[in-house]
PDB file of all heavy atoms in Angstrom:
ATOM      1  N   LYS A   1      71.953  89.791  97.015  1.00  0.00           N
ATOM      2  CA  LYS A   1      71.858  90.522  95.722  1.00  0.00           C
ATOM      3  C   LYS A   1      72.789  91.681  95.696  1.00  0.00           C
ATOM      4  O   LYS A   1      73.519  91.923  94.725  1.00  0.00           O
ATOM      5  CB  LYS A   1      70.440  90.959  95.493  1.00  0.00           C
ATOM      6  CG  LYS A   1      69.431  89.906  95.035  1.00  0.00           C
ATOM      7  CD  LYS A   1      68.040  90.505  94.741  1.00  0.00           C
ATOM      8  CE  LYS A   1      67.083  89.459  94.264  1.00  0.00           C
ATOM      9  NZ  LYS A   1      65.725  90.069  93.974  1.00  0.00           N
ATOM     10  N   LYS A   2      72.789  92.462  96.803  1.00  0.00           N
ATOM     11  CA  LYS A   2      73.744  93.589  96.833  1.00  0.00           C
ATOM     12  C   LYS A   2      75.226  93.077  96.743  1.00  0.00           C
ATOM     13  O   LYS A   2      75.999  93.710  96.045  1.00  0.00           O
ATOM     14  CB  LYS A   2      73.511  94.373  98.091  1.00  0.00           C
ATOM     15  CG  LYS A   2      72.187  95.118  98.103  1.00  0.00           C
ATOM     16  CD  LYS A   2      71.991  95.856  99.483  1.00  0.00           C
ATOM     17  CE  LYS A   2      70.606  96.540  99.477  1.00  0.00           C
ATOM     18  NZ  LYS A   2      70.443  97.224 100.827  1.00  0.00           N
ATOM     19  N   ALA A   3      75.509  92.047  97.554  1.00  0.00           N
ATOM     20  CA  ALA A   3      76.832  91.454  97.499  1.00  0.00           C
ATOM     21  C   ALA A   3      77.216  90.994  96.122  1.00  0.00           C
ATOM     22  O   ALA A   3      78.339  91.272  95.651  1.00  0.00           O
ATOM     23  CB  ALA A   3      76.951  90.379  98.493  1.00  0.00           C
ATOM     24  N   TYR A   4      76.260  90.376  95.454  1.00  0.00           N
ATOM     25  CA  TYR A   4      76.535  89.838  94.124  1.00  0.00           C
ATOM     26  C   TYR A   4      76.978  90.955  93.176  1.00  0.00           C
ATOM     27  O   TYR A   4      77.943  90.885  92.425  1.00  0.00           O
ATOM     28  CB  TYR A   4      75.345  89.106  93.548  1.00  0.00           C
ATOM     29  CG  TYR A   4      75.448  88.675  92.135  1.00  0.00           C
ATOM     30  CD1 TYR A   4      75.964  87.397  91.852  1.00  0.00           C
ATOM     31  CD2 TYR A   4      75.077  89.482  91.038  1.00  0.00           C
ATOM     32  CE1 TYR A   4      76.181  86.973  90.563  1.00  0.00           C
ATOM     33  CE2 TYR A   4      75.209  89.025  89.745  1.00  0.00           C
ATOM     34  CZ  TYR A   4      75.743  87.753  89.481  1.00  0.00           C
ATOM     35  OH  TYR A   4      75.954  87.404  88.211  1.00  0.00           O
ATOM     36  N   PHE A   5      76.184  92.032  93.151  1.00  0.00           N
ATOM     37  CA  PHE A   5      76.449  93.141  92.181  1.00  0.00           C
ATOM     38  C   PHE A   5      77.711  93.884  92.602  1.00  0.00           C
ATOM     39  O   PHE A   5      78.482  94.321  91.776  1.00  0.00           O
ATOM     40  CB  PHE A   5      75.210  94.143  92.135  1.00  0.00           C
ATOM     41  CG  PHE A   5      74.153  93.616  91.288  1.00  0.00           C
ATOM     42  CD1 PHE A   5      73.030  92.947  91.801  1.00  0.00           C
ATOM     43  CD2 PHE A   5      74.254  93.725  89.889  1.00  0.00           C
ATOM     44  CE1 PHE A   5      71.986  92.470  90.976  1.00  0.00           C
ATOM     45  CE2 PHE A   5      73.221  93.261  89.038  1.00  0.00           C
ATOM     46  CZ  PHE A   5      72.106  92.635  89.648  1.00  0.00           C
ATOM     47  N   MET A   6      77.997  93.965  93.861  1.00  0.00           N
ATOM     48  CA  MET A   6      79.232  94.655  94.289  1.00  0.00           C
ATOM     49  C   MET A   6      80.478  93.849  93.917  1.00  0.00           C
ATOM     50  O   MET A   6      81.546  94.419  93.607  1.00  0.00           O
ATOM     51  CB  MET A   6      79.178  94.879  95.806  1.00  0.00           C
ATOM     52  CG  MET A   6      78.117  95.881  96.254  1.00  0.00           C
ATOM     53  SD  MET A   6      77.952  96.009  98.070  1.00  0.00           S
ATOM     54  CE  MET A   6      79.467  96.766  98.551  1.00  0.00           C
ATOM     55  N   ILE A   7      80.399  92.482  93.953  1.00  0.00           N
ATOM     56  CA  ILE A   7      81.550  91.652  93.662  1.00  0.00           C
ATOM     57  C   ILE A   7      81.705  91.378  92.191  1.00  0.00           C
ATOM     58  O   ILE A   7      82.768  91.538  91.625  1.00  0.00           O
ATOM     59  CB  ILE A   7      81.394  90.350  94.446  1.00  0.00           C
ATOM     60  CG1 ILE A   7      81.441  90.600  95.944  1.00  0.00           C
ATOM     61  CG2 ILE A   7      82.525  89.397  94.040  1.00  0.00           C
ATOM     62  CD1 ILE A   7      81.106  89.354  96.762  1.00  0.00           C
ATOM     63  N   PHE A   8      80.526  90.997  91.549  1.00  0.00           N
ATOM     64  CA  PHE A   8      80.653  90.507  90.182  1.00  0.00           C
ATOM     65  C   PHE A   8      80.278  91.456  89.073  1.00  0.00           C
ATOM     66  O   PHE A   8      80.505  91.105  87.894  1.00  0.00           O
ATOM     67  CB  PHE A   8      79.800  89.180  90.103  1.00  0.00           C
ATOM     68  CG  PHE A   8      80.212  88.198  91.043  1.00  0.00           C
ATOM     69  CD1 PHE A   8      79.330  87.780  92.067  1.00  0.00           C
ATOM     70  CD2 PHE A   8      81.492  87.538  90.988  1.00  0.00           C
ATOM     71  CE1 PHE A   8      79.690  86.797  92.952  1.00  0.00           C
ATOM     72  CE2 PHE A   8      81.818  86.537  91.838  1.00  0.00           C
ATOM     73  CZ  PHE A   8      80.951  86.207  92.885  1.00  0.00           C
ATOM     74  N   ARG A   9      79.748  92.610  89.410  1.00  0.00           N
ATOM     75  CA  ARG A   9      79.383  93.545  88.415  1.00  0.00           C
ATOM     76  C   ARG A   9      80.052  94.908  88.583  1.00  0.00           C
ATOM     77  O   ARG A   9      79.772  95.876  87.900  1.00  0.00           O
ATOM     78  CB  ARG A   9      77.875  93.732  88.332  1.00  0.00           C
ATOM     79  CG  ARG A   9      77.177  92.456  87.871  1.00  0.00           C
ATOM     80  CD  ARG A   9      77.530  92.063  86.446  1.00  0.00           C
ATOM     81  NE  ARG A   9      76.962  90.768  86.098  1.00  0.00           N
ATOM     82  CZ  ARG A   9      77.672  89.638  86.016  1.00  0.00           C
ATOM     83  NH1 ARG A   9      78.908  89.703  86.369  1.00  0.00           N
ATOM     84  NH2 ARG A   9      77.135  88.529  85.620  1.00  0.00           N
ATOM     85  N   SER A  10      81.013  94.973  89.510  1.00  0.00           N
ATOM     86  CA  SER A  10      81.756  96.221  89.740  1.00  0.00           C
ATOM     87  C   SER A  10      82.937  96.303  88.859  1.00  0.00           C
ATOM     88  O   SER A  10      83.444  95.235  88.409  1.00  0.00           O
ATOM     89  CB  SER A  10      82.127  96.267  91.245  1.00  0.00           C
ATOM     90  OG  SER A  10      83.040  97.341  91.456  1.00  0.00           O
ATOM     91  N   LYS A  11      83.402  97.472  88.611  1.00  0.00           N
ATOM     92  CA  LYS A  11      84.652  97.653  87.871  1.00  0.00           C
ATOM     93  C   LYS A  11      85.824  97.637  88.772  1.00  0.00           C
ATOM     94  O   LYS A  11      87.029  97.744  88.309  1.00  0.00           O
ATOM     95  CB  LYS A  11      84.596  98.988  87.052  1.00  0.00           C
ATOM     96  CG  LYS A  11      83.542  98.950  85.966  1.00  0.00           C
ATOM     97  CD  LYS A  11      83.535 100.269  85.186  1.00  0.00           C
ATOM     98  CE  LYS A  11      82.475 100.200  84.037  1.00  0.00           C
ATOM     99  NZ  LYS A  11      82.491 101.486  83.272  1.00  0.00           N
ATOM    100  N   ASP A  12      85.586  97.572  90.077  1.00  0.00           N
ATOM    101  CA  ASP A  12      86.670  97.485  91.035  1.00  0.00           C
ATOM    102  C   ASP A  12      87.362  96.137  90.956  1.00  0.00           C
ATOM    103  O   ASP A  12      86.838  95.178  90.436  1.00  0.00           O
ATOM    104  CB  ASP A  12      86.201  97.678  92.450  1.00  0.00           C
ATOM    105  CG  ASP A  12      85.613  99.093  92.700  1.00  0.00           C
ATOM    106  OD1 ASP A  12      86.097  99.973  92.058  1.00  0.00           O
ATOM    107  OD2 ASP A  12      84.672  99.190  93.527  1.00  0.00           O
ATOM    108  N   SER A  13      88.582  96.085  91.452  1.00  0.00           N
ATOM    109  CA  SER A  13      89.249  94.760  91.549  1.00  0.00           C
ATOM    110  C   SER A  13      88.519  93.853  92.481  1.00  0.00           C
ATOM    111  O   SER A  13      87.722  94.302  93.372  1.00  0.00           O
ATOM    112  CB  SER A  13      90.701  94.985  92.053  1.00  0.00           C
ATOM    113  OG  SER A  13      90.695  95.308  93.408  1.00  0.00           O
ATOM    114  N   LEU A  14      88.716  92.563  92.395  1.00  0.00           N
ATOM    115  CA  LEU A  14      88.056  91.631  93.249  1.00  0.00           C
ATOM    116  C   LEU A  14      88.424  91.861  94.720  1.00  0.00           C
ATOM    117  O   LEU A  14      87.528  91.825  95.572  1.00  0.00           O
ATOM    118  CB  LEU A  14      88.447  90.207  92.884  1.00  0.00           C
ATOM    119  CG  LEU A  14      87.715  89.072  93.601  1.00  0.00           C
ATOM    120  CD1 LEU A  14      86.211  89.165  93.398  1.00  0.00           C
ATOM    121  CD2 LEU A  14      88.250  87.652  93.147  1.00  0.00           C
ATOM    122  N   LYS A  15      89.638  92.179  95.007  1.00  0.00           N
ATOM    123  CA  LYS A  15      90.065  92.456  96.397  1.00  0.00           C
ATOM    124  C   LYS A  15      89.330  93.668  96.931  1.00  0.00           C
ATOM    125  O   LYS A  15      88.847  93.674  98.046  1.00  0.00           O
ATOM    126  CB  LYS A  15      91.544  92.650  96.430  1.00  0.00           C
ATOM    127  CG  LYS A  15      92.100  92.909  97.822  1.00  0.00           C
ATOM    128  CD  LYS A  15      93.626  93.071  97.820  1.00  0.00           C
ATOM    129  CE  LYS A  15      94.162  93.302  99.233  1.00  0.00           C
ATOM    130  NZ  LYS A  15      95.628  93.462  99.221  1.00  0.00           N
ATOM    131  N   GLU A  16      89.175  94.717  96.134  1.00  0.00           N
ATOM    132  CA  GLU A  16      88.466  95.943  96.561  1.00  0.00           C
ATOM    133  C   GLU A  16      87.012  95.644  96.747  1.00  0.00           C
ATOM    134  O   GLU A  16      86.360  96.144  97.710  1.00  0.00           O
ATOM    135  CB  GLU A  16      88.642  97.076  95.528  1.00  0.00           C
ATOM    136  CG  GLU A  16      90.099  97.526  95.430  1.00  0.00           C
ATOM    137  CD  GLU A  16      90.307  98.533  94.207  1.00  0.00           C
ATOM    138  OE1 GLU A  16      89.526  98.408  93.244  1.00  0.00           O
ATOM    139  OE2 GLU A  16      91.263  99.326  94.297  1.00  0.00           O
ATOM    140  N   SER A  17      86.414  94.878  95.831  1.00  0.00           N
ATOM    141  CA  SER A  17      85.014  94.549  95.918  1.00  0.00           C
ATOM    142  C   SER A  17      84.657  93.791  97.215  1.00  0.00           C
ATOM    143  O   SER A  17      83.681  94.049  97.912  1.00  0.00           O
ATOM    144  CB  SER A  17      84.588  93.750  94.730  1.00  0.00           C
ATOM    145  OG  SER A  17      84.703  94.512  93.535  1.00  0.00           O
ATOM    146  N   LEU A  18      85.496  92.785  97.553  1.00  0.00           N
ATOM    147  CA  LEU A  18      85.238  92.040  98.759  1.00  0.00           C
ATOM    148  C   LEU A  18      85.404  92.902  99.987  1.00  0.00           C
ATOM    149  O   LEU A  18      84.647  92.767 100.944  1.00  0.00           O
ATOM    150  CB  LEU A  18      86.254  90.888  98.811  1.00  0.00           C
ATOM    151  CG  LEU A  18      86.186  89.826  97.719  1.00  0.00           C
ATOM    152  CD1 LEU A  18      87.290  88.806  97.928  1.00  0.00           C
ATOM    153  CD2 LEU A  18      84.862  89.145  97.711  1.00  0.00           C
ATOM    154  N   ALA A  19      86.360  93.825  99.976  1.00  0.00           N
ATOM    155  CA  ALA A  19      86.543  94.738 101.114  1.00  0.00           C
ATOM    156  C   ALA A  19      85.296  95.628 101.294  1.00  0.00           C
ATOM    157  O   ALA A  19      84.853  95.860 102.413  1.00  0.00           O
ATOM    158  CB  ALA A  19      87.759  95.604 100.935  1.00  0.00           C
ATOM    159  N   LYS A  20      84.712  96.051 100.193  1.00  0.00           N
ATOM    160  CA  LYS A  20      83.490  96.911 100.249  1.00  0.00           C
ATOM    161  C   LYS A  20      82.361  96.166 100.812  1.00  0.00           C
ATOM    162  O   LYS A  20      81.614  96.663 101.640  1.00  0.00           O
ATOM    163  CB  LYS A  20      83.236  97.492  98.903  1.00  0.00           C
ATOM    164  CG  LYS A  20      84.110  98.663  98.385  1.00  0.00           C
ATOM    165  CD  LYS A  20      83.609  99.196  97.092  1.00  0.00           C
ATOM    166  CE  LYS A  20      84.473 100.352  96.690  1.00  0.00           C
ATOM    167  NZ  LYS A  20      84.006 100.936  95.362  1.00  0.00           N
ATOM    168  N   VAL A  21      82.145  94.910 100.311  1.00  0.00           N
ATOM    169  CA  VAL A  21      81.050  94.047 100.880  1.00  0.00           C
ATOM    170  C   VAL A  21      81.208  93.912 102.394  1.00  0.00           C
ATOM    171  O   VAL A  21      80.252  94.036 103.195  1.00  0.00           O
ATOM    172  CB  VAL A  21      81.002  92.697 100.145  1.00  0.00           C
ATOM    173  CG1 VAL A  21      80.083  91.752 100.895  1.00  0.00           C
ATOM    174  CG2 VAL A  21      80.577  92.925  98.732  1.00  0.00           C
ATOM    175  N   GLU A  22      82.447  93.655 102.798  1.00  0.00           N
ATOM    176  CA  GLU A  22      82.680  93.394 104.203  1.00  0.00           C
ATOM    177  C   GLU A  22      82.414  94.651 105.030  1.00  0.00           C
ATOM    178  O   GLU A  22      81.938  94.596 106.135  1.00  0.00           O
ATOM    179  CB  GLU A  22      84.159  92.991 104.366  1.00  0.00           C
ATOM    180  CG  GLU A  22      84.416  92.254 105.636  1.00  0.00           C
ATOM    181  CD  GLU A  22      85.776  91.568 105.627  1.00  0.00           C
ATOM    182  OE1 GLU A  22      86.734  92.177 105.042  1.00  0.00           O
ATOM    183  OE2 GLU A  22      85.877  90.410 106.043  1.00  0.00           O
ATOM    184  N   ALA A  23      82.707  95.804 104.465  1.00  0.00           N
ATOM    185  CA  ALA A  23      82.594  97.043 105.199  1.00  0.00           C
ATOM    186  C   ALA A  23      81.150  97.591 105.186  1.00  0.00           C
ATOM    187  O   ALA A  23      80.717  98.214 106.155  1.00  0.00           O
ATOM    188  CB  ALA A  23      83.536  98.063 104.579  1.00  0.00           C
ATOM    189  N   GLU A  24      80.365  97.318 104.097  1.00  0.00           N
ATOM    190  CA  GLU A  24      79.106  98.045 103.927  1.00  0.00           C
ATOM    191  C   GLU A  24      77.880  97.157 104.139  1.00  0.00           C
ATOM    192  O   GLU A  24      76.766  97.720 104.387  1.00  0.00           O
ATOM    193  CB  GLU A  24      79.080  98.603 102.514  1.00  0.00           C
ATOM    194  CG  GLU A  24      80.153  99.703 102.233  1.00  0.00           C
ATOM    195  CD  GLU A  24      80.153 100.147 100.781  1.00  0.00           C
ATOM    196  OE1 GLU A  24      79.189  99.871 100.087  1.00  0.00           O
ATOM    197  OE2 GLU A  24      81.170 100.780 100.331  1.00  0.00           O
ATOM    198  N   LEU A  25      78.015  95.832 104.096  1.00  0.00           N
ATOM    199  CA  LEU A  25      76.835  95.034 104.185  1.00  0.00           C
ATOM    200  C   LEU A  25      76.751  94.301 105.567  1.00  0.00           C
ATOM    201  O   LEU A  25      77.804  94.078 106.166  1.00  0.00           O
ATOM    202  CB  LEU A  25      76.837  93.956 103.066  1.00  0.00           C
ATOM    203  CG  LEU A  25      76.684  94.530 101.592  1.00  0.00           C
ATOM    204  CD1 LEU A  25      76.618  93.398 100.612  1.00  0.00           C
ATOM    205  CD2 LEU A  25      75.501  95.467 101.463  1.00  0.00           C
TER     206      LEU A  25
END
């Protein structure tokens, strides 16, 4: 669920969102 909202509901670019998921989850 956290990954979903970070990737698909963030205003960040897709590349940035994926990097955040990888770093934080």
